[in-house]
Every structure is written in C-alpha cells, then in structure tokens.
C-alpha cells in the first residue's frame, strides 16, 4: 500500500500530464489560484487550509508558497501561517490605475448623456477608493479626488458594491469601520444600511441622498462580472439629480456598466 507521500507524488505526476501543464503554465495557474484563495480567506491561511480548499497535495503547495515567499508576494508568519505579502500592493495599485484608465471613455459617455460628474470606485478592504473620474461640464459640479478613500455606509458606490454581500459580512465590516455621520442624513445603524442594500437589490441601483455631503445626490450601479468589485456613479447637485432625472439616468448607468464589463472581460485573456 503506497504511503501518503507516494500518493502525493503520484498525484503530482498525473497533474503534470494535464493540458495546462503541457503548455508550461500550470504552476502559474496554481500559484495565482492560491493567492486568490488567500485573499478570499482574509489574507492569512495555513497550508492545510489551502490544501483542503484547492485539492492540491501539501508538498505542491509548500513548494509554491516557498517560491511566493522568496518573491515577496507571500509572507510566513511566526505562527507558521502564510499571509499576502507587500509586493502585491504595488501590483494592486498599478492595476487599479489601469482599471481607471480603461474606464475613462465610459465615464466620459456618462457625462455626455447625463451632464453630471461620473466616477468609478472599488472596494479595497473595508473602504471605498475612487479610481477614475470625468467631471461635469457644468460650472457647478461635484469633484472627488481620484485616490480618495471613504467608508461604504455613506456612499452610493458603497451600497452598490455591498448589495450582494452576505448580511453577516456586511455587519462585520460595519463593526470594524464604525458608521460615523457625515451629514444628518447619513445611515448610522447596521439595520438601516441592510435595509438600504435590500432596496438596491430591488431597484438595481443605489442612491446617496445628501448622505455624504448636503446638497449632493449620487446614483450608482455595480459593474457586473468585473475582475474586481467595481461600481460606477454619477453625482451632482440635488437640484439637478432629482427623482425625475433618476428615471432617465439609471438606465444609462446600467447600460454603460454592462458595456464596461464587456470591455474589461475582453481585456482579460481566457485560460
């Protein structure tokens, strides 16, 4: 009867005969899969957890992790667990900037069709970060600095990005960030925020109605099937972004989000 190490070796030999391996990229696929599994697990895992979730034998995972540690993409903690490494930060920042660059033509279309400032934002950890903006041509317009970080509970893009997140995860996020009031209209209770997310799921779009800044309304939708959770929005004075204007703006937002999604998918090589 073969030992467990022999079984692991047999599994690896069999795996090397797969089509992916014959192309010389299977180890890359596996390494990136492990990084994504680490991110899904909160950024820190043990080898046994990775083995259980990936189905790969421990010797294979150990070799891949040693390589990732040597490259700085993974760190081994004192407790022998592994965490995502600092070199990933530079890659993530560069990718976010590139994502914003790809989005700008679509945001420009939003400005042309709605007349209001258009934004793109991502969920980065527990915060919302704005990665692209095209300003309105109106003399009175909204401006959000690219790179600005805000908490999700007071923004339209935050609601759009968290609308389909399990309630227990939303509650945990809110417990970590707190729910400070930016204005008197900011939602400041988990129950109120969860109700707002239910409304996003029902209508297909999110609203920031004077919640981040008095006098400003924002409409936002998620970018479906984005490689990273993303949302686009328009923002403008409450006197222009009215209820009647919402009925005209939301279909444009949703259409542009679908087109941006298709563009991002075409920019991602298939395996």
Protein backbone atom coordinates (compact mmCIF):
# COMPACT_ATOMS: atom_id res chain seq x y z
CA UNK A 1 0.00 0.00 0.00
CA UNK A 2 1.59 3.36 -1.00
CA UNK A 3 2.44 5.92 1.65
CA UNK A 4 0.81 9.33 1.67
CA UNK A 5 3.96 10.92 0.24
CA UNK A 6 3.97 8.42 -2.60
CA UNK A 7 0.30 9.18 -3.23
CA UNK A 8 1.08 12.89 -3.32
CA UNK A 9 3.90 12.28 -5.77
CA UNK A 10 1.61 10.17 -7.96
CA UNK A 11 -0.99 12.95 -7.94
CA UNK A 12 1.63 15.47 -8.99
CA UNK A 13 2.92 13.26 -11.80
CA UNK A 14 -0.62 12.79 -13.07
CA UNK A 15 -1.23 16.54 -12.87
CA UNK A 16 1.86 17.34 -14.92
CA UNK A 17 0.32 15.43 -17.82
CA UNK A 18 -2.68 17.80 -17.97
CA UNK A 19 -3.10 20.17 -20.96
CA UNK A 20 -2.28 23.17 -18.78
CA UNK A 21 1.00 21.64 -17.69
CA UNK A 22 1.96 20.75 -21.26
CA UNK A 23 1.67 24.46 -22.04
CA UNK A 24 4.14 25.19 -19.26
CA UNK A 25 1.77 27.41 -17.21
CA UNK A 26 0.17 25.06 -14.69
CA UNK A 27 2.45 26.20 -11.86
CA UNK A 28 1.48 29.80 -12.58
CA UNK A 29 -2.21 28.92 -12.58
CA UNK A 30 -1.79 27.13 -9.29
CA UNK A 31 0.19 29.98 -7.70
CA UNK A 32 -2.38 32.60 -8.68
CA UNK A 33 -5.19 30.32 -7.53
CA UNK A 34 -3.52 30.04 -4.12
CA UNK A 35 -3.14 33.83 -3.90
CA UNK A 36 -6.83 34.29 -4.69
CA UNK A 37 -7.80 31.67 -2.13
CA UNK A 38 -5.68 33.51 0.46
CA UNK A 39 -7.44 36.76 -0.39
CA UNK A 40 -10.85 35.09 -0.11
CA UNK A 41 -9.85 33.76 3.32
CA UNK A 42 -8.99 37.23 4.59
CA UNK A 43 -5.32 37.30 3.61
CA UNK A 44 -3.91 34.71 6.03
CA UNK A 45 -4.17 30.92 5.90
CA UNK A 46 -2.40 27.70 6.84
CA UNK A 47 -1.11 25.13 4.37
CA UNK A 48 -3.68 22.55 5.44
CA UNK A 49 -6.50 25.04 4.73
CA UNK A 50 -5.10 25.73 1.26
CA UNK A 51 -4.78 22.01 0.60
CA UNK A 52 -8.36 21.37 1.66
CA UNK A 53 -9.80 24.20 -0.45
CA UNK A 54 -7.63 23.70 -3.55
CA UNK A 55 -7.36 19.91 -3.59
CA UNK A 56 -3.62 20.14 -4.18
CA UNK A 57 -1.22 17.92 -2.21
CA UNK A 58 0.71 19.57 0.61
CA UNK A 59 4.17 19.13 -0.98
CA UNK A 60 2.98 21.00 -4.08
CA UNK A 61 1.52 23.83 -2.03
CA UNK A 62 4.62 24.04 0.12
CA UNK A 63 6.88 24.43 -2.93
CA UNK A 64 4.63 27.07 -4.49
CA UNK A 65 4.43 29.01 -1.24
CA UNK A 66 8.21 28.91 -0.80
CA UNK A 67 8.57 30.48 -4.24
CA UNK A 68 5.94 33.14 -3.49
CA UNK A 69 7.66 33.92 -0.18
CA UNK A 70 11.04 34.25 -1.90
CA UNK A 71 9.49 36.69 -4.40
CA UNK A 72 7.83 38.76 -1.67
CA UNK A 73 4.24 38.02 -2.71
CA UNK A 74 3.59 35.94 0.42
CA UNK A 75 4.99 36.18 3.97
CA UNK A 76 5.35 33.37 6.50
CA UNK A 77 4.14 34.45 9.93
CA UNK A 78 5.67 33.50 13.26
CA UNK A 79 2.75 31.11 13.80
CA UNK A 80 3.77 29.32 10.54
CA UNK A 81 0.67 30.55 8.73
CA UNK A 82 1.03 32.45 5.48
CA UNK A 83 -0.19 35.94 4.63
CA UNK A 84 -0.30 38.03 1.46
CA UNK A 85 2.96 39.91 1.01
CA UNK A 86 3.80 43.59 0.49
CA UNK A 87 4.88 43.27 -3.14
CA UNK A 88 1.26 42.65 -4.06
CA UNK A 89 0.44 46.22 -3.01
CA UNK A 90 2.41 47.73 -5.88
CA UNK A 91 0.76 45.38 -8.35
CA UNK A 92 -2.68 46.18 -6.97
CA UNK A 93 -2.11 49.93 -7.12
CA UNK A 94 -0.88 49.72 -10.71
CA UNK A 95 -3.82 47.52 -11.70
CA UNK A 96 -6.28 49.96 -10.08
CA UNK A 97 -4.80 52.86 -12.03
CA UNK A 98 -5.03 50.85 -15.25
CA UNK A 99 -8.62 49.90 -14.50
CA UNK A 100 -9.40 53.59 -14.08
CA UNK A 101 -7.73 54.36 -17.42
CA UNK A 102 -9.84 51.73 -19.19
CA UNK A 103 -12.98 53.15 -17.57
CA UNK A 104 -12.49 56.79 -18.56
CA UNK A 105 -14.10 56.59 -22.06
CA UNK A 106 -17.19 55.01 -20.48
CA UNK A 107 -17.30 57.65 -17.77
CA UNK A 108 -16.98 60.32 -20.45
CA UNK A 109 -20.05 58.88 -22.14
CA UNK A 110 -21.93 59.10 -18.86
CA UNK A 111 -21.03 62.77 -18.59
CA UNK A 112 -22.19 63.42 -22.15
CA UNK A 113 -25.52 61.68 -21.63
CA UNK A 114 -26.33 62.78 -18.07
CA UNK A 115 -24.49 66.09 -17.75
CA UNK A 116 -23.14 65.10 -14.32
CA UNK A 117 -19.75 64.09 -12.96
CA UNK A 118 -19.03 60.36 -13.42
CA UNK A 119 -16.92 58.21 -11.09
CA UNK A 120 -15.58 54.69 -10.80
CA UNK A 121 -14.85 53.17 -7.40
CA UNK A 122 -13.54 49.88 -6.00
CA UNK A 123 -13.92 48.14 -2.65
CA UNK A 124 -10.44 47.97 -1.15
CA UNK A 125 -10.53 46.13 2.15
CA UNK A 126 -13.20 47.87 4.22
CA UNK A 127 -13.01 51.15 2.30
CA UNK A 128 -14.19 52.60 -0.98
CA UNK A 129 -11.45 54.04 -3.19
CA UNK A 130 -12.18 56.23 -6.22
CA UNK A 131 -10.00 55.19 -9.18
CA UNK A 132 -11.35 57.34 -12.02
CA UNK A 133 -13.45 60.45 -12.61
CA UNK A 134 -14.64 62.55 -15.53
CA UNK A 135 -16.02 65.92 -14.36
CA UNK A 136 -19.26 67.51 -15.45
CA UNK A 137 -19.12 70.46 -17.83
CA UNK A 138 -21.45 72.48 -15.59
CA UNK A 139 -19.88 75.36 -13.70
CA UNK A 140 -21.45 73.89 -10.53
CA UNK A 141 -20.22 70.31 -10.38
CA UNK A 142 -19.08 67.67 -7.95
CA UNK A 143 -15.42 66.77 -7.59
CA UNK A 144 -13.94 63.73 -5.88
CA UNK A 145 -10.19 63.32 -5.89
CA UNK A 146 -9.01 60.11 -7.55
CA UNK A 147 -7.46 58.01 -4.81
CA UNK A 148 -9.81 59.35 -2.14
CA UNK A 149 -11.00 56.77 0.37
CA UNK A 150 -14.36 56.83 2.11
CA UNK A 151 -16.44 54.47 4.22
CA UNK A 152 -19.09 52.47 2.36
CA UNK A 153 -22.12 53.26 4.52
CA UNK A 154 -22.48 56.89 3.38
CA UNK A 155 -21.93 56.47 -0.36
CA UNK A 156 -23.93 55.26 -3.35
CA UNK A 157 -20.98 53.29 -4.68
CA UNK A 158 -20.55 51.65 -1.28
CA UNK A 159 -24.14 50.45 -1.33
CA UNK A 160 -23.81 49.24 -4.92
CA UNK A 161 -20.63 47.31 -4.10
CA UNK A 162 -22.02 45.66 -0.95
CA UNK A 163 -25.57 44.97 -2.13
CA UNK A 164 -24.95 41.27 -2.76
CA UNK A 165 -22.58 40.68 0.16
CA UNK A 166 -23.96 38.30 2.84
CA UNK A 167 -25.53 40.28 5.72
CA UNK A 168 -23.18 38.81 8.32
CA UNK A 169 -20.17 40.02 6.32
CA UNK A 170 -21.72 43.49 5.97
CA UNK A 171 -22.32 43.63 9.73
CA UNK A 172 -18.72 42.59 10.40
CA UNK A 173 -17.41 45.30 8.06
CA UNK A 174 -19.58 47.97 9.71
CA UNK A 175 -18.41 46.82 13.14
CA UNK A 176 -14.80 47.33 12.03
CA UNK A 177 -15.29 50.74 10.40
CA UNK A 178 -18.00 52.22 12.58
CA UNK A 179 -20.76 54.28 11.00
CA UNK A 180 -19.90 57.95 11.64
CA UNK A 181 -22.42 60.51 10.39
CA UNK A 182 -21.07 62.67 7.57
CA UNK A 183 -24.39 64.56 7.49
CA UNK A 184 -27.70 64.43 9.33
CA UNK A 185 -28.99 62.09 6.59
CA UNK A 186 -26.20 59.50 6.86
CA UNK A 187 -27.34 55.98 7.72
CA UNK A 188 -25.79 55.18 11.09
CA UNK A 189 -27.22 51.76 12.04
CA UNK A 190 -26.47 48.33 10.56
CA UNK A 191 -30.19 47.61 10.25
CA UNK A 192 -30.75 50.82 8.29
CA UNK A 193 -27.85 50.04 5.99
CA UNK A 194 -29.03 46.47 5.39
CA UNK A 195 -32.46 47.87 4.51
CA UNK A 196 -30.77 50.20 2.02
CA UNK A 197 -28.94 47.25 0.45
CA UNK A 198 -32.24 45.42 0.09
CA UNK A 199 -33.57 48.44 -1.78
CA UNK A 200 -30.54 48.34 -4.10
CA UNK A 201 -31.25 44.69 -4.88
CA UNK A 202 -34.90 45.53 -5.54
CA UNK A 203 -34.34 48.53 -7.82
CA UNK A 204 -30.96 47.67 -9.39
CA UNK A 205 -29.27 50.92 -8.36
CA UNK A 206 -28.05 52.73 -5.24
CA UNK A 207 -28.69 56.27 -4.04
CA UNK A 208 -26.67 58.61 -1.82
CA UNK A 209 -29.26 61.24 -0.98
CA UNK A 210 -27.35 64.01 0.86
CA UNK A 211 -25.69 61.29 2.98
CA UNK A 212 -22.05 62.09 2.20
CA UNK A 213 -22.50 65.81 1.59
CA UNK A 214 -25.55 68.04 1.99
CA UNK A 215 -26.86 69.25 -1.36
CA UNK A 216 -25.36 66.36 -3.34
CA UNK A 217 -27.10 63.28 -4.73
CA UNK A 218 -25.34 60.29 -6.23
CA UNK A 219 -26.68 57.36 -8.27
CA UNK A 220 -24.56 54.20 -8.58
CA UNK A 221 -24.63 50.71 -10.08
CA UNK A 222 -22.18 47.81 -9.84
CA UNK A 223 -20.11 46.77 -12.86
CA UNK A 224 -21.31 43.19 -13.43
CA UNK A 225 -18.69 40.42 -13.56
CA UNK A 226 -15.85 42.89 -13.03
CA UNK A 227 -12.48 41.20 -12.29
CA UNK A 228 -12.55 43.11 -9.02
CA UNK A 229 -15.65 44.53 -7.32
CA UNK A 230 -16.31 47.88 -9.03
CA UNK A 231 -19.12 50.40 -9.32
CA UNK A 232 -19.75 53.47 -11.45
CA UNK A 233 -21.78 56.50 -10.44
CA UNK A 234 -22.85 59.99 -11.32
CA UNK A 235 -23.04 62.78 -8.75
CA UNK A 236 -24.42 66.27 -8.90
CA UNK A 237 -26.39 68.95 -7.06
CA UNK A 238 -29.63 67.64 -5.55
CA UNK A 239 -31.48 70.29 -7.56
CA UNK A 240 -30.40 68.62 -10.81
CA UNK A 241 -30.22 64.94 -9.80
CA UNK A 242 -33.93 64.86 -8.96
CA UNK A 243 -36.34 61.92 -8.80
CA UNK A 244 -37.46 62.59 -12.38
CA UNK A 245 -33.84 62.82 -13.54
CA UNK A 246 -33.15 59.49 -11.79
CA UNK A 247 -35.59 57.70 -14.10
CA UNK A 248 -33.55 58.88 -17.10
CA UNK A 249 -30.07 58.49 -15.61
CA UNK A 250 -30.29 54.98 -14.14
CA UNK A 251 -30.86 53.16 -17.49
CA UNK A 252 -27.81 54.97 -18.91
CA UNK A 253 -25.74 53.97 -15.88
CA UNK A 254 -26.79 50.35 -16.21
CA UNK A 255 -26.12 50.26 -19.95
CA UNK A 256 -22.66 51.78 -19.57
CA UNK A 257 -21.86 49.37 -16.70
CA UNK A 258 -22.66 46.39 -18.95
CA UNK A 259 -20.52 47.82 -21.78
CA UNK A 260 -17.62 48.48 -19.39
CA UNK A 261 -17.95 44.93 -18.07
CA UNK A 262 -17.67 43.55 -21.62
CA UNK A 263 -14.61 45.73 -22.28
CA UNK A 264 -12.90 44.52 -19.12
CA UNK A 265 -13.70 40.90 -19.99
CA UNK A 266 -12.20 41.29 -23.46
CA UNK A 267 -9.06 42.74 -21.90
CA UNK A 268 -8.68 39.63 -19.74
CA UNK A 269 -7.10 36.73 -21.65
CA UNK A 270 -9.04 33.48 -21.39
CA UNK A 271 -7.24 30.45 -19.94
